[in-house]
């Protein structure tokens, strides 16, 4: 958890490790990201601190500390955090931050810490 002390910005995942063409990332989130999907990649969201809501077009899922979900490729979703929430992400190395979509939070590359 000490790695979270190295950054303050939201929606800016940091790479902490790589494993079999996958990246392990930490991210602080607050507010909401835009609706998006990843055509060819699944994503794993694991909540380390607080709570994350993931909206899907037909439903929503609320994850508490210690809970996780895998969002399958092609599934449109929007992550939302009412308060600062800490997440661990497990994603393919070549994943685009928010798929083919773009907003002011879009990143083209991820920093390693």
Protein backbone atom coordinates (compact mmCIF):
# COMPACT_ATOMS: atom_id res chain seq x y z
CA UNK A 1 0.00 0.00 0.00
CA UNK A 2 3.03 2.28 0.28
CA UNK A 3 3.02 2.71 -3.52
CA UNK A 4 -0.22 4.72 -3.25
CA UNK A 5 1.74 7.40 -1.39
CA UNK A 6 3.80 8.03 -4.55
CA UNK A 7 0.98 9.66 -6.52
CA UNK A 8 -2.16 11.76 -6.00
CA UNK A 9 -3.89 12.10 -9.36
CA UNK A 10 -7.10 10.22 -10.13
CA UNK A 11 -7.80 7.88 -13.07
CA UNK A 12 -4.08 7.61 -13.86
CA UNK A 13 -3.04 3.95 -13.39
CA UNK A 14 0.57 3.23 -12.41
CA UNK A 15 2.29 -0.01 -13.41
CA UNK A 16 3.75 -1.90 -10.46
CA UNK A 17 4.52 -5.18 -12.21
CA UNK A 18 4.24 -7.32 -15.33
CA UNK A 19 3.31 -10.97 -15.62
CA UNK A 20 2.83 -13.07 -18.77
CA UNK A 21 2.02 -10.10 -21.05
CA UNK A 22 -0.24 -8.61 -18.39
CA UNK A 23 0.29 -5.51 -16.29
CA UNK A 24 -0.53 -5.07 -12.63
CA UNK A 25 -1.53 -1.47 -11.93
CA UNK A 26 -2.56 0.68 -9.00
CA UNK A 27 -4.94 3.58 -9.44
CA UNK A 28 -6.74 6.12 -7.29
CA UNK A 29 -10.21 7.00 -8.57
CA UNK A 30 -12.83 9.56 -7.62
CA UNK A 31 -15.82 10.73 -9.60
CA UNK A 32 -16.61 8.88 -12.78
CA UNK A 33 -14.96 7.77 -15.98
CA UNK A 34 -16.82 7.77 -19.30
CA UNK A 35 -18.73 4.85 -20.79
CA UNK A 36 -16.29 2.63 -22.65
CA UNK A 37 -15.41 -0.93 -23.59
CA UNK A 38 -12.35 -2.87 -24.69
CA UNK A 39 -12.98 -4.89 -27.85
CA UNK A 40 -10.28 -7.50 -27.25
CA UNK A 41 -9.30 -7.32 -23.57
CA UNK A 42 -10.83 -8.34 -20.24
CA UNK A 43 -10.16 -6.13 -17.19
CA UNK A 44 -9.91 -7.09 -13.53
CA UNK A 45 -10.85 -4.49 -10.89
CA UNK A 46 -9.92 -5.30 -7.26
CA UNK A 47 -10.95 -2.79 -4.57
CA UNK A 48 -8.23 -2.20 -1.98
CA UNK A 49 -9.80 0.81 -0.23
CA UNK A 50 -13.36 2.17 -0.09
CA UNK A 51 -15.96 1.34 -2.75
CA UNK A 52 -16.36 1.23 -6.53
CA UNK A 53 -19.55 1.16 -8.53
CA UNK A 54 -19.35 -0.19 -12.06
CA UNK A 55 -22.31 0.77 -14.20
CA UNK A 56 -23.35 -1.48 -17.04
CA UNK A 57 -26.08 -0.54 -19.53
CA UNK A 58 -28.66 -2.80 -17.87
CA UNK A 59 -27.43 -2.95 -14.26
CA UNK A 60 -24.75 -1.83 -11.83
CA UNK A 61 -22.39 -3.56 -9.44
CA UNK A 62 -21.04 -2.11 -6.19
CA UNK A 63 -17.71 -3.50 -4.99
CA UNK A 64 -16.45 -3.03 -1.43
CA UNK A 65 -12.93 -3.47 -0.06
CA UNK A 66 -11.60 -6.93 -0.85
CA UNK A 67 -14.04 -7.54 -3.71
CA UNK A 68 -13.27 -7.82 -7.42
CA UNK A 69 -14.90 -8.17 -10.79
CA UNK A 70 -13.72 -9.13 -14.24
CA UNK A 71 -15.30 -7.05 -16.98
CA UNK A 72 -15.24 -9.16 -20.10
CA UNK A 73 -14.05 -7.81 -23.43
CA UNK A 74 -16.68 -5.94 -25.39
CA UNK A 75 -18.82 -5.12 -22.33
CA UNK A 76 -19.57 -1.40 -22.05
CA UNK A 77 -19.05 -0.06 -18.54
CA UNK A 78 -18.51 3.12 -16.52
CA UNK A 79 -16.58 3.05 -13.20
CA UNK A 80 -17.81 5.48 -10.53
CA UNK A 81 -16.34 6.28 -7.09
CA UNK A 82 -18.13 8.65 -4.73
CA UNK A 83 -15.02 8.96 -2.53
CA UNK A 84 -11.33 8.41 -3.23
CA UNK A 85 -11.01 4.69 -3.90
CA UNK A 86 -7.86 2.61 -4.37
CA UNK A 87 -7.86 -0.16 -6.96
CA UNK A 88 -5.57 -2.87 -8.24
CA UNK A 89 -6.02 -3.53 -11.97
CA UNK A 90 -4.88 -6.54 -13.95
CA UNK A 91 -4.89 -5.89 -17.70
CA UNK A 92 -3.11 -6.86 -20.94
CA UNK A 93 0.04 -4.82 -21.59
CA UNK A 94 -1.31 -3.26 -24.78
CA UNK A 95 -4.74 -2.24 -23.46
CA UNK A 96 -5.92 1.26 -24.33
CA UNK A 97 -6.87 3.27 -21.25
CA UNK A 98 -10.54 3.68 -22.15
CA UNK A 99 -10.80 1.63 -25.29
CA UNK A 100 -11.35 3.61 -28.47
CA UNK A 101 -13.00 6.47 -26.57
CA UNK A 102 -11.40 9.75 -25.59
CA UNK A 103 -11.95 12.24 -22.77
CA UNK A 104 -9.84 14.61 -20.65
CA UNK A 105 -8.70 11.63 -18.51
CA UNK A 106 -7.45 9.54 -21.46
CA UNK A 107 -3.84 8.34 -21.20
CA UNK A 108 -1.68 7.09 -24.05
CA UNK A 109 0.92 5.41 -21.83
CA UNK A 110 1.26 4.33 -18.22
CA UNK A 111 4.05 5.26 -15.79
CA UNK A 112 5.93 2.56 -13.89
CA UNK A 113 6.49 3.12 -10.19
